PDB file of N, CA and C in Angstrom:
ATOM      1  N   UNK A   1      13.960 -32.577  27.369  1.00  0.00           N
ATOM      2  CA  UNK A   1      13.432 -33.586  28.248  1.00  0.00           C
ATOM      3  C   UNK A   1      12.504 -33.841  29.185  1.00  0.00           C
ATOM      4  N   UNK A   2      11.552 -35.113  29.615  1.00  0.00           N
ATOM      5  CA  UNK A   2      10.833 -34.889  29.936  1.00  0.00           C
ATOM      6  C   UNK A   2      11.532 -34.895  31.911  1.00  0.00           C
ATOM      7  N   UNK A   3      10.814 -34.023  32.782  1.00  0.00           N
ATOM      8  CA  UNK A   3      11.207 -33.882  34.016  1.00  0.00           C
ATOM      9  C   UNK A   3      11.076 -35.382  34.550  1.00  0.00           C
ATOM     10  N   UNK A   4      12.030 -35.288  35.580  1.00  0.00           N
ATOM     11  CA  UNK A   4      11.683 -36.835  36.432  1.00  0.00           C
ATOM     12  C   UNK A   4      10.855 -36.626  37.837  1.00  0.00           C
ATOM     13  N   UNK A   5      10.042 -37.547  37.795  1.00  0.00           N
ATOM     14  CA  UNK A   5       9.532 -37.238  38.973  1.00  0.00           C
ATOM     15  C   UNK A   5      10.005 -37.890  40.077  1.00  0.00           C
ATOM     16  N   UNK A   6       9.658 -37.817  41.357  1.00  0.00           N
ATOM     17  CA  UNK A   6      10.483 -38.264  42.875  1.00  0.00           C
ATOM     18  C   UNK A   6      10.126 -39.552  42.675  1.00  0.00           C
ATOM     19  N   UNK A   7      10.761 -40.205  43.315  1.00  0.00           N
ATOM     20  CA  UNK A   7      10.382 -41.910  43.266  1.00  0.00           C
ATOM     21  C   UNK A   7       9.792 -41.822  44.592  1.00  0.00           C
ATOM     22  N   UNK A   8       8.795 -42.848  45.119  1.00  0.00           N
ATOM     23  CA  UNK A   8       7.982 -42.993  45.839  1.00  0.00           C
ATOM     24  C   UNK A   8       8.607 -43.390  47.535  1.00  0.00           C
ATOM     25  N   UNK A   9       9.779 -43.797  47.130  1.00  0.00           N
ATOM     26  CA  UNK A   9      10.761 -43.708  48.563  1.00  0.00           C
ATOM     27  C   UNK A   9      11.056 -42.464  49.027  1.00  0.00           C
ATOM     28  N   UNK A  10      11.370 -41.470  47.736  1.00  0.00           N
ATOM     29  CA  UNK A  10      12.675 -40.071  48.499  1.00  0.00           C
ATOM     30  C   UNK A  10      10.806 -39.499  48.920  1.00  0.00           C
ATOM     31  N   UNK A  11       9.652 -39.819  48.185  1.00  0.00           N
ATOM     32  CA  UNK A  11       8.569 -38.967  48.782  1.00  0.00           C
ATOM     33  C   UNK A  11       7.906 -39.079  50.330  1.00  0.00           C
ATOM     34  N   UNK A  12       8.156 -40.353  50.273  1.00  0.00           N
ATOM     35  CA  UNK A  12       7.948 -41.050  51.944  1.00  0.00           C
ATOM     36  C   UNK A  12       8.447 -40.545  52.521  1.00  0.00           C
ATOM     37  N   UNK A  13       9.904 -40.562  52.564  1.00  0.00           N
ATOM     38  CA  UNK A  13      10.951 -39.571  53.577  1.00  0.00           C
ATOM     39  C   UNK A  13      10.663 -38.078  53.399  1.00  0.00           C
ATOM     40  N   UNK A  14      10.120 -37.373  52.377  1.00  0.00           N
ATOM     41  CA  UNK A  14      10.024 -36.142  52.530  1.00  0.00           C
ATOM     42  C   UNK A  14       8.607 -35.629  53.119  1.00  0.00           C
ATOM     43  N   UNK A  15       7.514 -36.969  53.145  1.00  0.00           N
ATOM     44  CA  UNK A  15       6.429 -36.191  53.459  1.00  0.00           C
ATOM     45  C   UNK A  15       6.286 -36.783  55.150  1.00  0.00           C
ATOM     46  N   UNK A  16       7.678 -37.688  55.800  1.00  0.00           N
ATOM     47  CA  UNK A  16       7.820 -37.462  57.096  1.00  0.00           C
ATOM     48  C   UNK A  16       8.526 -36.461  57.618  1.00  0.00           C
ATOM     49  N   UNK A  17       8.672 -36.333  57.584  1.00  0.00           N
ATOM     50  CA  UNK A  17       9.661 -34.903  57.495  1.00  0.00           C
ATOM     51  C   UNK A  17       9.028 -34.166  58.996  1.00  0.00           C
ATOM     52  N   UNK A  18      10.394 -33.780  59.750  1.00  0.00           N
ATOM     53  CA  UNK A  18       9.899 -33.295  61.171  1.00  0.00           C
ATOM     54  C   UNK A  18      10.810 -32.085  61.105  1.00  0.00           C
ATOM     55  N   UNK A  19      10.241 -30.947  61.286  1.00  0.00           N
ATOM     56  CA  UNK A  19      11.633 -29.751  61.323  1.00  0.00           C
ATOM     57  C   UNK A  19      12.280 -29.987  62.947  1.00  0.00           C
ATOM     58  N   UNK A  20      11.851 -30.915  63.863  1.00  0.00           N
ATOM     59  CA  UNK A  20      12.803 -31.392  65.027  1.00  0.00           C
ATOM     60  C   UNK A  20      13.572 -32.013  64.643  1.00  0.00           C
ATOM     61  N   UNK A  21      13.640 -33.224  63.491  1.00  0.00           N
ATOM     62  CA  UNK A  21      14.902 -33.942  63.402  1.00  0.00           C
ATOM     63  C   UNK A  21      15.646 -34.433  61.900  1.00  0.00           C
ATOM     64  N   UNK A  22      15.949 -32.855  61.811  1.00  0.00           N
ATOM     65  CA  UNK A  22      16.678 -32.810  60.700  1.00  0.00           C
ATOM     66  C   UNK A  22      17.570 -33.937  60.368  1.00  0.00           C
ATOM     67  N   UNK A  23      18.839 -34.576  61.609  1.00  0.00           N
ATOM     68  CA  UNK A  23      19.276 -35.455  61.198  1.00  0.00           C
ATOM     69  C   UNK A  23      18.660 -36.847  60.892  1.00  0.00           C
ATOM     70  N   UNK A  24      17.192 -37.190  61.285  1.00  0.00           N
ATOM     71  CA  UNK A  24      16.993 -38.460  60.864  1.00  0.00           C
ATOM     72  C   UNK A  24      16.311 -37.827  59.781  1.00  0.00           C
ATOM     73  N   UNK A  25      15.983 -37.060  59.137  1.00  0.00           N
ATOM     74  CA  UNK A  25      15.779 -37.039  57.196  1.00  0.00           C
ATOM     75  C   UNK A  25      16.955 -37.139  56.705  1.00  0.00           C
ATOM     76  N   UNK A  26      18.234 -36.365  57.233  1.00  0.00           N
ATOM     77  CA  UNK A  26      19.141 -36.432  56.120  1.00  0.00           C
ATOM     78  C   UNK A  26      20.380 -38.105  56.570  1.00  0.00           C
ATOM     79  N   UNK A  27      19.787 -38.519  57.221  1.00  0.00           N
ATOM     80  CA  UNK A  27      20.038 -40.264  57.700  1.00  0.00           C
ATOM     81  C   UNK A  27      19.149 -40.719  56.488  1.00  0.00           C
ATOM     82  N   UNK A  28      17.853 -40.903  55.928  1.00  0.00           N
ATOM     83  CA  UNK A  28      17.206 -41.410  55.553  1.00  0.00           C
ATOM     84  C   UNK A  28      17.045 -41.389  54.162  1.00  0.00           C
ATOM     85  N   UNK A  29      17.586 -39.784  53.798  1.00  0.00           N
ATOM     86  CA  UNK A  29      17.916 -40.067  52.448  1.00  0.00           C
ATOM     87  C   UNK A  29      19.182 -40.628  51.896  1.00  0.00           C
ATOM     88  N   UNK A  30      20.445 -40.154  53.066  1.00  0.00           N
ATOM     89  CA  UNK A  30      21.328 -41.147  52.782  1.00  0.00           C
ATOM     90  C   UNK A  30      21.340 -42.982  52.555  1.00  0.00           C
ATOM     91  N   UNK A  31      20.517 -43.275  53.291  1.00  0.00           N
ATOM     92  CA  UNK A  31      19.688 -44.410  53.088  1.00  0.00           C
ATOM     93  C   UNK A  31      19.885 -44.919  51.809  1.00  0.00           C
ATOM     94  N   UNK A  32      18.662 -43.887  51.406  1.00  0.00           N
ATOM     95  CA  UNK A  32      18.098 -44.156  49.822  1.00  0.00           C
ATOM     96  C   UNK A  32      19.647 -44.043  48.946  1.00  0.00           C
ATOM     97  N   UNK A  33      20.364 -43.174  49.130  1.00  0.00           N
ATOM     98  CA  UNK A  33      21.259 -43.368  48.233  1.00  0.00           C
ATOM     99  C   UNK A  33      22.497 -44.425  48.128  1.00  0.00           C
ATOM    100  N   UNK A  34      22.358 -44.379  49.716  1.00  0.00           N
ATOM    101  CA  UNK A  34      23.069 -46.162  49.162  1.00  0.00           C
ATOM    102  C   UNK A  34      22.447 -47.408  48.768  1.00  0.00           C
ATOM    103  N   UNK A  35      21.047 -47.455  48.810  1.00  0.00           N
ATOM    104  CA  UNK A  35      20.218 -48.216  47.729  1.00  0.00           C
ATOM    105  C   UNK A  35      20.279 -48.162  46.396  1.00  0.00           C
ATOM    106  N   UNK A  36      20.937 -46.950  46.123  1.00  0.00           N
ATOM    107  CA  UNK A  36      20.967 -46.802  44.509  1.00  0.00           C
ATOM    108  C   UNK A  36      19.648 -46.339  44.180  1.00  0.00           C
ATOM    109  N   UNK A  37      18.693 -45.729  45.005  1.00  0.00           N
ATOM    110  CA  UNK A  37      17.187 -44.985  44.387  1.00  0.00           C
ATOM    111  C   UNK A  37      17.793 -43.728  44.193  1.00  0.00           C
ATOM    112  N   UNK A  38      17.336 -43.365  43.175  1.00  0.00           N
ATOM    113  CA  UNK A  38      17.142 -42.078  42.120  1.00  0.00           C
ATOM    114  C   UNK A  38      16.791 -40.812  43.013  1.00  0.00           C
ATOM    115  N   UNK A  39      17.164 -40.114  43.223  1.00  0.00           N
ATOM    116  CA  UNK A  39      17.171 -39.240  44.266  1.00  0.00           C
ATOM    117  C   UNK A  39      17.074 -37.647  43.455  1.00  0.00           C
ATOM    118  N   UNK A  40      16.233 -36.777  43.948  1.00  0.00           N
ATOM    119  CA  UNK A  40      16.090 -35.343  43.752  1.00  0.00           C
ATOM    120  C   UNK A  40      17.457 -34.598  43.591  1.00  0.00           C
ATOM    121  N   UNK A  41      17.536 -33.338  42.609  1.00  0.00           N
ATOM    122  CA  UNK A  41      18.743 -32.768  43.001  1.00  0.00           C
ATOM    123  C   UNK A  41      18.395 -32.076  44.157  1.00  0.00           C
ATOM    124  N   UNK A  42      17.805 -31.813  45.029  1.00  0.00           N
ATOM    125  CA  UNK A  42      17.535 -31.119  46.163  1.00  0.00           C
ATOM    126  C   UNK A  42      18.235 -32.335  47.298  1.00  0.00           C
ATOM    127  N   UNK A  43      18.006 -33.291  47.264  1.00  0.00           N
ATOM    128  CA  UNK A  43      17.978 -34.524  48.482  1.00  0.00           C
ATOM    129  C   UNK A  43      19.648 -34.566  47.770  1.00  0.00           C
ATOM    130  N   UNK A  44      20.350 -34.214  47.120  1.00  0.00           N
ATOM    131  CA  UNK A  44      21.767 -34.367  46.866  1.00  0.00           C
ATOM    132  C   UNK A  44      21.821 -33.146  47.194  1.00  0.00           C
ATOM    133  N   UNK A  45      21.816 -32.168  47.141  1.00  0.00           N
ATOM    134  CA  UNK A  45      22.549 -30.851  47.583  1.00  0.00           C
ATOM    135  C   UNK A  45      22.121 -30.541  48.973  1.00  0.00           C
ATOM    136  N   UNK A  46      20.908 -31.339  49.945  1.00  0.00           N
ATOM    137  CA  UNK A  46      21.491 -31.570  51.494  1.00  0.00           C
ATOM    138  C   UNK A  46      21.999 -32.797  51.948  1.00  0.00           C
ATOM    139  N   UNK A  47      22.349 -33.490  51.048  1.00  0.00           N
ATOM    140  CA  UNK A  47      23.313 -34.474  51.615  1.00  0.00           C
ATOM    141  C   UNK A  47      24.239 -33.906  51.629  1.00  0.00           C
ATOM    142  N   UNK A  48      24.956 -32.787  50.554  1.00  0.00           N
ATOM    143  CA  UNK A  48      26.349 -32.313  50.153  1.00  0.00           C
ATOM    144  C   UNK A  48      26.071 -31.068  51.682  1.00  0.00           C
ATOM    145  N   UNK A  49      25.807 -30.420  52.282  1.00  0.00           N
ATOM    146  CA  UNK A  49      25.503 -29.647  52.808  1.00  0.00           C
ATOM    147  C   UNK A  49      25.674 -30.455  54.338  1.00  0.00           C
ATOM    148  N   UNK A  50      27.027 -30.003  55.245  1.00  0.00           N
ATOM    149  CA  UNK A  50      26.672 -30.051  56.413  1.00  0.00           C
ATOM    150  C   UNK A  50      26.479 -29.327  57.781  1.00  0.00           C
ATOM    151  N   UNK A  51      26.211 -28.332  57.410  1.00  0.00           N
ATOM    152  CA  UNK A  51      25.524 -27.248  58.114  1.00  0.00           C
ATOM    153  C   UNK A  51      24.288 -27.484  58.485  1.00  0.00           C
ATOM    154  N   UNK A  52      23.666 -27.471  59.894  1.00  0.00           N
ATOM    155  CA  UNK A  52      22.293 -27.812  60.459  1.00  0.00           C
ATOM    156  C   UNK A  52      21.102 -26.765  59.356  1.00  0.00           C
ATOM    157  N   UNK A  53      21.429 -25.428  59.343  1.00  0.00           N
ATOM    158  CA  UNK A  53      20.753 -24.385  59.479  1.00  0.00           C
ATOM    159  C   UNK A  53      20.617 -24.524  58.135  1.00  0.00           C
ATOM    160  N   UNK A  54      21.675 -24.331  56.924  1.00  0.00           N
ATOM    161  CA  UNK A  54      21.643 -24.681  55.918  1.00  0.00           C
ATOM    162  C   UNK A  54      21.094 -25.723  55.078  1.00  0.00           C
ATOM    163  N   UNK A  55      20.907 -27.270  55.886  1.00  0.00           N
ATOM    164  CA  UNK A  55      19.703 -28.137  55.464  1.00  0.00           C
ATOM    165  C   UNK A  55      18.503 -27.674  55.413  1.00  0.00           C
ATOM    166  N   UNK A  56      18.283 -27.244  56.827  1.00  0.00           N
ATOM    167  CA  UNK A  56      16.978 -26.939  57.347  1.00  0.00           C
ATOM    168  C   UNK A  56      16.280 -26.172  56.057  1.00  0.00           C
ATOM    169  N   UNK A  57      17.170 -25.295  56.089  1.00  0.00           N
ATOM    170  CA  UNK A  57      16.805 -24.121  54.807  1.00  0.00           C
ATOM    171  C   UNK A  57      16.769 -25.109  53.507  1.00  0.00           C
ATOM    172  N   UNK A  58      17.114 -25.406  53.034  1.00  0.00           N
ATOM    173  CA  UNK A  58      16.928 -26.577  51.832  1.00  0.00           C
ATOM    174  C   UNK A  58      15.955 -26.827  51.508  1.00  0.00           C
ATOM    175  N   UNK A  59      15.401 -27.524  52.922  1.00  0.00           N
ATOM    176  CA  UNK A  59      14.406 -28.451  53.080  1.00  0.00           C
ATOM    177  C   UNK A  59      13.127 -27.712  53.282  1.00  0.00           C
ATOM    178  N   UNK A  60      12.789 -26.641  53.702  1.00  0.00           N
ATOM    179  CA  UNK A  60      11.927 -25.831  53.457  1.00  0.00           C
ATOM    180  C   UNK A  60      12.015 -25.203  51.913  1.00  0.00           C
ATOM    181  N   UNK A  61      12.863 -24.895  51.532  1.00  0.00           N
ATOM    182  CA  UNK A  61      12.406 -24.199  50.327  1.00  0.00           C
ATOM    183  C   UNK A  61      12.226 -25.919  48.866  1.00  0.00           C
ATOM    184  N   UNK A  62      12.933 -26.625  49.059  1.00  0.00           N
ATOM    185  CA  UNK A  62      12.264 -27.853  48.831  1.00  0.00           C
ATOM    186  C   UNK A  62      10.823 -27.935  48.788  1.00  0.00           C
ATOM    187  N   UNK A  63      10.073 -27.699  49.921  1.00  0.00           N
ATOM    188  CA  UNK A  63       8.571 -28.403  50.288  1.00  0.00           C
ATOM    189  C   UNK A  63       7.808 -27.444  49.189  1.00  0.00           C
ATOM    190  N   UNK A  64       8.524 -26.275  48.910  1.00  0.00           N
ATOM    191  CA  UNK A  64       7.646 -25.500  48.269  1.00  0.00           C
ATOM    192  C   UNK A  64       7.525 -25.089  46.644  1.00  0.00           C
ATOM    193  N   UNK A  65       8.510 -26.017  45.701  1.00  0.00           N
ATOM    194  CA  UNK A  65       8.911 -26.473  44.790  1.00  0.00           C
ATOM    195  C   UNK A  65       8.241 -28.044  44.106  1.00  0.00           C
ATOM    196  N   UNK A  66       8.071 -27.609  42.782  1.00  0.00           N
ATOM    197  CA  UNK A  66       7.262 -29.190  42.184  1.00  0.00           C
ATOM    198  C   UNK A  66       8.217 -30.300  42.421  1.00  0.00           C
ATOM    199  N   UNK A  67       7.347 -31.211  42.867  1.00  0.00           N
ATOM    200  CA  UNK A  67       8.232 -32.615  42.792  1.00  0.00           C
ATOM    201  C   UNK A  67       8.782 -33.458  41.860  1.00  0.00           C
ATOM    202  N   UNK A  68       9.291 -32.251  40.751  1.00  0.00           N
ATOM    203  CA  UNK A  68       9.945 -33.219  39.807  1.00  0.00           C
ATOM    204  C   UNK A  68      11.395 -32.106  39.943  1.00  0.00           C
ATOM    205  N   UNK A  69      12.502 -33.146  38.896  1.00  0.00           N
ATOM    206  CA  UNK A  69      13.811 -32.871  38.835  1.00  0.00           C
ATOM    207  C   UNK A  69      13.743 -32.392  37.508  1.00  0.00           C
ATOM    208  N   UNK A  70      14.495 -31.031  36.773  1.00  0.00           N
ATOM    209  CA  UNK A  70      14.746 -31.313  35.471  1.00  0.00           C
ATOM    210  C   UNK A  70      15.914 -32.551  34.906  1.00  0.00           C
ATOM    211  N   UNK A  71      15.876 -32.914  33.937  1.00  0.00           N
ATOM    212  CA  UNK A  71      16.607 -33.915  33.365  1.00  0.00           C
ATOM    213  C   UNK A  71      17.473 -33.282  32.023  1.00  0.00           C
ATOM    214  N   UNK A  72      18.576 -33.413  31.944  1.00  0.00           N
ATOM    215  CA  UNK A  72      19.470 -32.970  30.863  1.00  0.00           C
ATOM    216  C   UNK A  72      20.033 -34.505  30.310  1.00  0.00           C
ATOM    217  N   UNK A  73      20.331 -34.306  28.932  1.00  0.00           N
ATOM    218  CA  UNK A  73      20.840 -35.237  28.267  1.00  0.00           C
ATOM    219  C   UNK A  73      22.367 -35.521  28.352  1.00  0.00           C
ATOM    220  N   UNK A  74      22.773 -36.441  28.191  1.00  0.00           N
ATOM    221  CA  UNK A  74      24.377 -36.400  28.346  1.00  0.00           C
ATOM    222  C   UNK A  74      24.907 -37.051  27.315  1.00  0.00           C
ATOM    223  N   UNK A  75      23.770 -37.962  26.412  1.00  0.00           N
ATOM    224  CA  UNK A  75      24.402 -38.836  25.149  1.00  0.00           C
ATOM    225  C   UNK A  75      23.012 -39.515  24.458  1.00  0.00           C
ATOM    226  N   UNK A  76      23.803 -38.963  23.205  1.00  0.00           N
ATOM    227  CA  UNK A  76      22.632 -39.427  22.287  1.00  0.00           C
ATOM    228  C   UNK A  76      23.361 -40.097  20.985  1.00  0.00           C
ATOM    229  N   UNK A  77      22.461 -41.190  20.742  1.00  0.00           N
ATOM    230  CA  UNK A  77      23.015 -42.130  19.426  1.00  0.00           C
ATOM    231  C   UNK A  77      21.527 -42.323  18.440  1.00  0.00           C
ATOM    232  N   UNK A  78      22.102 -42.419  17.173  1.00  0.00           N
ATOM    233  CA  UNK A  78      20.569 -42.951  16.448  1.00  0.00           C
ATOM    234  C   UNK A  78      21.038 -44.499  16.436  1.00  0.00           C
ATOM    235  N   UNK A  79      19.619 -45.347  16.865  1.00  0.00           N
ATOM    236  CA  UNK A  79      19.908 -46.883  16.600  1.00  0.00           C
ATOM    237  C   UNK A  79      18.829 -47.079  15.534  1.00  0.00           C
ATOM    238  N   UNK A  80      19.522 -47.802  14.406  1.00  0.00           N
ATOM    239  CA  UNK A  80      19.354 -48.412  13.273  1.00  0.00           C
ATOM    240  C   UNK A  80      18.104 -49.239  13.276  1.00  0.00           C
ATOM    241  N   UNK A  81      16.889 -49.331  13.040  1.00  0.00           N
ATOM    242  CA  UNK A  81      15.984 -50.050  12.864  1.00  0.00           C
ATOM    243  C   UNK A  81      15.989 -51.547  12.040  1.00  0.00           C
ATOM    244  N   UNK A  82      15.948 -51.317  10.900  1.00  0.00           N
ATOM    245  CA  UNK A  82      16.438 -52.887  10.004  1.00  0.00           C
ATOM    246  C   UNK A  82      17.788 -52.608   9.086  1.00  0.00           C
ATOM    247  N   UNK A  83      18.561 -51.609   8.860  1.00  0.00           N
ATOM    248  CA  UNK A  83      19.714 -51.766   8.148  1.00  0.00           C
ATOM    249  C   UNK A  83      20.777 -50.692   8.812  1.00  0.00           C
ATOM    250  N   UNK A  84      21.747 -50.879   8.054  1.00  0.00           N
ATOM    251  CA  UNK A  84      22.673 -50.083   8.354  1.00  0.00           C
ATOM    252  C   UNK A  84      22.813 -48.254   7.534  1.00  0.00           C
ATOM    253  N   UNK A  85      21.913 -49.371   6.515  1.00  0.00           N
ATOM    254  CA  UNK A  85      22.389 -47.851   5.564  1.00  0.00           C
ATOM    255  C   UNK A  85      21.405 -46.066   5.997  1.00  0.00           C
ATOM    256  N   UNK A  86      22.708 -45.014   5.762  1.00  0.00           N
ATOM    257  CA  UNK A  86      22.265 -44.095   6.051  1.00  0.00           C
ATOM    258  C   UNK A  86      21.194 -43.221   6.295  1.00  0.00           C
ATOM    259  N   UNK A  87      20.316 -43.608   4.991  1.00  0.00           N
ATOM    260  CA  UNK A  87      18.801 -43.052   5.087  1.00  0.00           C
ATOM    261  C   UNK A  87      17.937 -44.326   5.499  1.00  0.00           C
ATOM    262  N   UNK A  88      18.540 -45.507   6.047  1.00  0.00           N
ATOM    263  CA  UNK A  88      17.533 -46.377   7.090  1.00  0.00           C
ATOM    264  C   UNK A  88      16.774 -45.836   8.427  1.00  0.00           C
ATOM    265  N   UNK A  89      15.390 -46.257   8.134  1.00  0.00           N
ATOM    266  CA  UNK A  89      14.495 -45.567   9.494  1.00  0.00           C
ATOM    267  C   UNK A  89      15.642 -45.570  11.090  1.00  0.00           C
ATOM    268  N   UNK A  90      15.488 -44.755  11.700  1.00  0.00           N
ATOM    269  CA  UNK A  90      16.204 -45.080  13.010  1.00  0.00           C
ATOM    270  C   UNK A  90      15.485 -44.441  13.930  1.00  0.00           C
ATOM    271  N   UNK A  91      15.702 -44.848  15.414  1.00  0.00           N
ATOM    272  CA  UNK A  91      15.334 -44.303  16.896  1.00  0.00           C
ATOM    273  C   UNK A  91      16.378 -43.459  17.713  1.00  0.00           C
ATOM    274  N   UNK A  92      15.758 -42.472  18.174  1.00  0.00           N
ATOM    275  CA  UNK A  92      17.117 -41.898  18.564  1.00  0.00           C
ATOM    276  C   UNK A  92      17.274 -42.513  20.070  1.00  0.00           C
ATOM    277  N   UNK A  93      17.825 -42.685  20.754  1.00  0.00           N
ATOM    278  CA  UNK A  93      18.167 -43.216  22.448  1.00  0.00           C
ATOM    279  C   UNK A  93      19.262 -42.173  22.609  1.00  0.00           C
ATOM    280  N   UNK A  94      18.333 -41.621  24.047  1.00  0.00           N
ATOM    281  CA  UNK A  94      19.384 -40.410  24.904  1.00  0.00           C
ATOM    282  C   UNK A  94      19.169 -41.307  26.021  1.00  0.00           C
ATOM    283  N   UNK A  95      20.627 -41.072  26.743  1.00  0.00           N
ATOM    284  CA  UNK A  95      21.075 -40.991  28.070  1.00  0.00           C
ATOM    285  C   UNK A  95      20.990 -39.819  28.593  1.00  0.00           C
ATOM    286  N   UNK A  96      20.181 -39.730  30.297  1.00  0.00           N
ATOM    287  CA  UNK A  96      20.442 -38.468  30.566  1.00  0.00           C
ATOM    288  C   UNK A  96      21.344 -38.791  32.109  1.00  0.00           C
ATOM    289  N   UNK A  97      21.627 -37.524  32.861  1.00  0.00           N
ATOM    290  CA  UNK A  97      22.300 -37.360  33.818  1.00  0.00           C
ATOM    291  C   UNK A  97      21.523 -38.088  35.095  1.00  0.00           C
ATOM    292  N   UNK A  98      20.108 -38.134  34.743  1.00  0.00           N
ATOM    293  CA  UNK A  98      19.462 -39.135  36.006  1.00  0.00           C
ATOM    294  C   UNK A  98      19.634 -40.286  35.727  1.00  0.00           C
ATOM    295  N   UNK A  99      20.444 -41.474  34.939  1.00  0.00           N
ATOM    296  CA  UNK A  99      20.905 -42.691  34.981  1.00  0.00           C
ATOM    297  C   UNK A  99      19.378 -43.329  34.328  1.00  0.00           C
ATOM    298  N   UNK A 100      18.608 -42.486  33.147  1.00  0.00           N
ATOM    299  CA  UNK A 100      17.578 -43.054  31.955  1.00  0.00           C
ATOM    300  C   UNK A 100      18.293 -43.162  30.848  1.00  0.00           C
ATOM    301  N   UNK A 101      17.896 -43.930  30.314  1.00  0.00           N
ATOM    302  CA  UNK A 101      17.899 -44.078  29.151  1.00  0.00           C
ATOM    303  C   UNK A 101      16.856 -44.275  28.119  1.00  0.00           C
ATOM    304  N   UNK A 102      16.505 -43.006  27.554  1.00  0.00           N
ATOM    305  CA  UNK A 102      14.941 -43.053  26.838  1.00  0.00           C
ATOM    306  C   UNK A 102      15.053 -43.300  25.189  1.00  0.00           C
ATOM    307  N   UNK A 103      14.435 -44.049  24.844  1.00  0.00           N
ATOM    308  CA  UNK A 103      14.375 -44.381  22.940  1.00  0.00           C
ATOM    309  C   UNK A 103      13.001 -43.710  22.563  1.00  0.00           C
ATOM    310  N   UNK A 104      13.626 -42.760  21.368  1.00  0.00           N
ATOM    311  CA  UNK A 104      12.264 -42.120  21.268  1.00  0.00           C
ATOM    312  C   UNK A 104      11.951 -42.643  19.752  1.00  0.00           C
ATOM    313  N   UNK A 105      10.404 -42.559  19.310  1.00  0.00           N
ATOM    314  CA  UNK A 105       9.812 -43.217  18.087  1.00  0.00           C
ATOM    315  C   UNK A 105      11.078 -42.486  16.935  1.00  0.00           C
ATOM    316  N   UNK A 106      10.587 -42.895  15.327  1.00  0.00           N
ATOM    317  CA  UNK A 106      11.434 -42.579  14.544  1.00  0.00           C
ATOM    318  C   UNK A 106      10.940 -40.684  14.395  1.00  0.00           C
ATOM    319  N   UNK A 107       9.834 -40.482  14.608  1.00  0.00           N
ATOM    320  CA  UNK A 107       9.725 -39.057  13.921  1.00  0.00           C
ATOM    321  C   UNK A 107      10.496 -37.863  15.546  1.00  0.00           C
ATOM    322  N   UNK A 108      10.482 -38.527  16.597  1.00  0.00           N
ATOM    323  CA  UNK A 108      11.381 -38.014  17.914  1.00  0.00           C
ATOM    324  C   UNK A 108      10.685 -37.072  18.687  1.00  0.00           C
ATOM    325  N   UNK A 109       9.304 -37.601  18.512  1.00  0.00           N
ATOM    326  CA  UNK A 109       8.151 -36.850  19.703  1.00  0.00           C
ATOM    327  C   UNK A 109       7.500 -37.625  20.667  1.00  0.00           C
ATOM    328  N   UNK A 110       7.777 -39.164  20.679  1.00  0.00           N
ATOM    329  CA  UNK A 110       7.163 -40.002  21.488  1.00  0.00           C
ATOM    330  C   UNK A 110       8.024 -40.950  22.193  1.00  0.00           C
ATOM    331  N   UNK A 111       7.860 -40.891  23.671  1.00  0.00           N
ATOM    332  CA  UNK A 111       8.840 -42.144  24.007  1.00  0.00           C
ATOM    333  C   UNK A 111       8.677 -43.507  23.449  1.00  0.00           C
ATOM    334  N   UNK A 112       9.035 -44.463  23.323  1.00  0.00           N
ATOM    335  CA  UNK A 112       8.963 -45.224  22.974  1.00  0.00           C
ATOM    336  C   UNK A 112       9.336 -46.423  24.254  1.00  0.00           C
ATOM    337  N   UNK A 113      10.100 -46.192  24.912  1.00  0.00           N
ATOM    338  CA  UNK A 113      10.711 -46.991  25.857  1.00  0.00           C
ATOM    339  C   UNK A 113      11.609 -46.064  27.254  1.00  0.00           C
ATOM    340  N   UNK A 114      11.329 -46.321  28.251  1.00  0.00           N
ATOM    341  CA  UNK A 114      12.199 -45.237  29.039  1.00  0.00           C
ATOM    342  C   UNK A 114      12.786 -46.325  30.227  1.00  0.00           C
ATOM    343  N   UNK A 115      14.047 -46.771  30.483  1.00  0.00           N
ATOM    344  CA  UNK A 115      14.291 -47.506  31.398  1.00  0.00           C
ATOM    345  C   UNK A 115      15.267 -46.984  32.220  1.00  0.00           C
ATOM    346  N   UNK A 116      15.461 -47.675  33.691  1.00  0.00           N
ATOM    347  CA  UNK A 116      16.760 -46.890  34.406  1.00  0.00           C
ATOM    348  C   UNK A 116      17.884 -47.672  34.713  1.00  0.00           C
ATOM    349  N   UNK A 117      19.165 -46.922  33.952  1.00  0.00           N
ATOM    350  CA  UNK A 117      19.958 -48.045  34.292  1.00  0.00           C
ATOM    351  C   UNK A 117      20.840 -47.976  35.585  1.00  0.00           C
ATOM    352  N   UNK A 118      21.002 -49.079  35.566  1.00  0.00           N
ATOM    353  CA  UNK A 118      21.746 -49.462  36.882  1.00  0.00           C
ATOM    354  C   UNK A 118      23.195 -49.695  37.129  1.00  0.00           C
ATOM    355  N   UNK A 119      23.827 -48.912  38.361  1.00  0.00           N
ATOM    356  CA  UNK A 119      25.246 -48.905  38.246  1.00  0.00           C
ATOM    357  C   UNK A 119      25.678 -50.362  39.052  1.00  0.00           C
ATOM    358  N   UNK A 120      26.839 -51.054  38.037  1.00  0.00           N
ATOM    359  CA  UNK A 120      27.013 -52.373  38.873  1.00  0.00           C
ATOM    360  C   UNK A 120      28.681 -52.511  38.744  1.00  0.00           C
ATOM    361  N   UNK A 121      28.927 -53.068  39.740  1.00  0.00           N
ATOM    362  CA  UNK A 121      30.645 -53.188  40.366  1.00  0.00           C
ATOM    363  C   UNK A 121      31.020 -54.256  40.237  1.00  0.00           C
ATOM    364  N   UNK A 122      32.138 -54.089  38.870  1.00  0.00           N
ATOM    365  CA  UNK A 122      33.044 -54.723  38.021  1.00  0.00           C
ATOM    366  C   UNK A 122      33.887 -55.200  38.741  1.00  0.00           C
ATOM    367  N   UNK A 123      34.248 -54.676  39.859  1.00  0.00           N
ATOM    368  CA  UNK A 123      35.596 -55.218  40.588  1.00  0.00           C
ATOM    369  C   UNK A 123      35.014 -56.222  41.256  1.00  0.00           C
ATOM    370  N   UNK A 124      33.881 -56.824  41.144  1.00  0.00           N
ATOM    371  CA  UNK A 124      33.362 -58.585  42.017  1.00  0.00           C
ATOM    372  C   UNK A 124      34.253 -59.673  41.280  1.00  0.00           C
TER     373      UNK A 124
END
């Protein structure tokens, strides 16, 4: 699976990080989460930690790592192109834990379409 690169919004928060204002950084990352901006695993880990020293340690270690997040497939399905015949040409559709839906070509080597799935509130 291709790695997910960090969003512009999250990168902006990371680039504005000041070691003297960790609470502001954590608040800014929390706000992005509330706005349903896809976040890196490091950002979620920082939000899950309540200890200031541990947050600072995680932030410093994240700055030394590549700006991408590993991506894992959570579901797959074959989408038939022209007919329901078992031997018909199909495209592999993959759902990832980073809320992506990826449609591959019929060989399975190239991405035709990549979209982000949004979470909808069905209670309204």
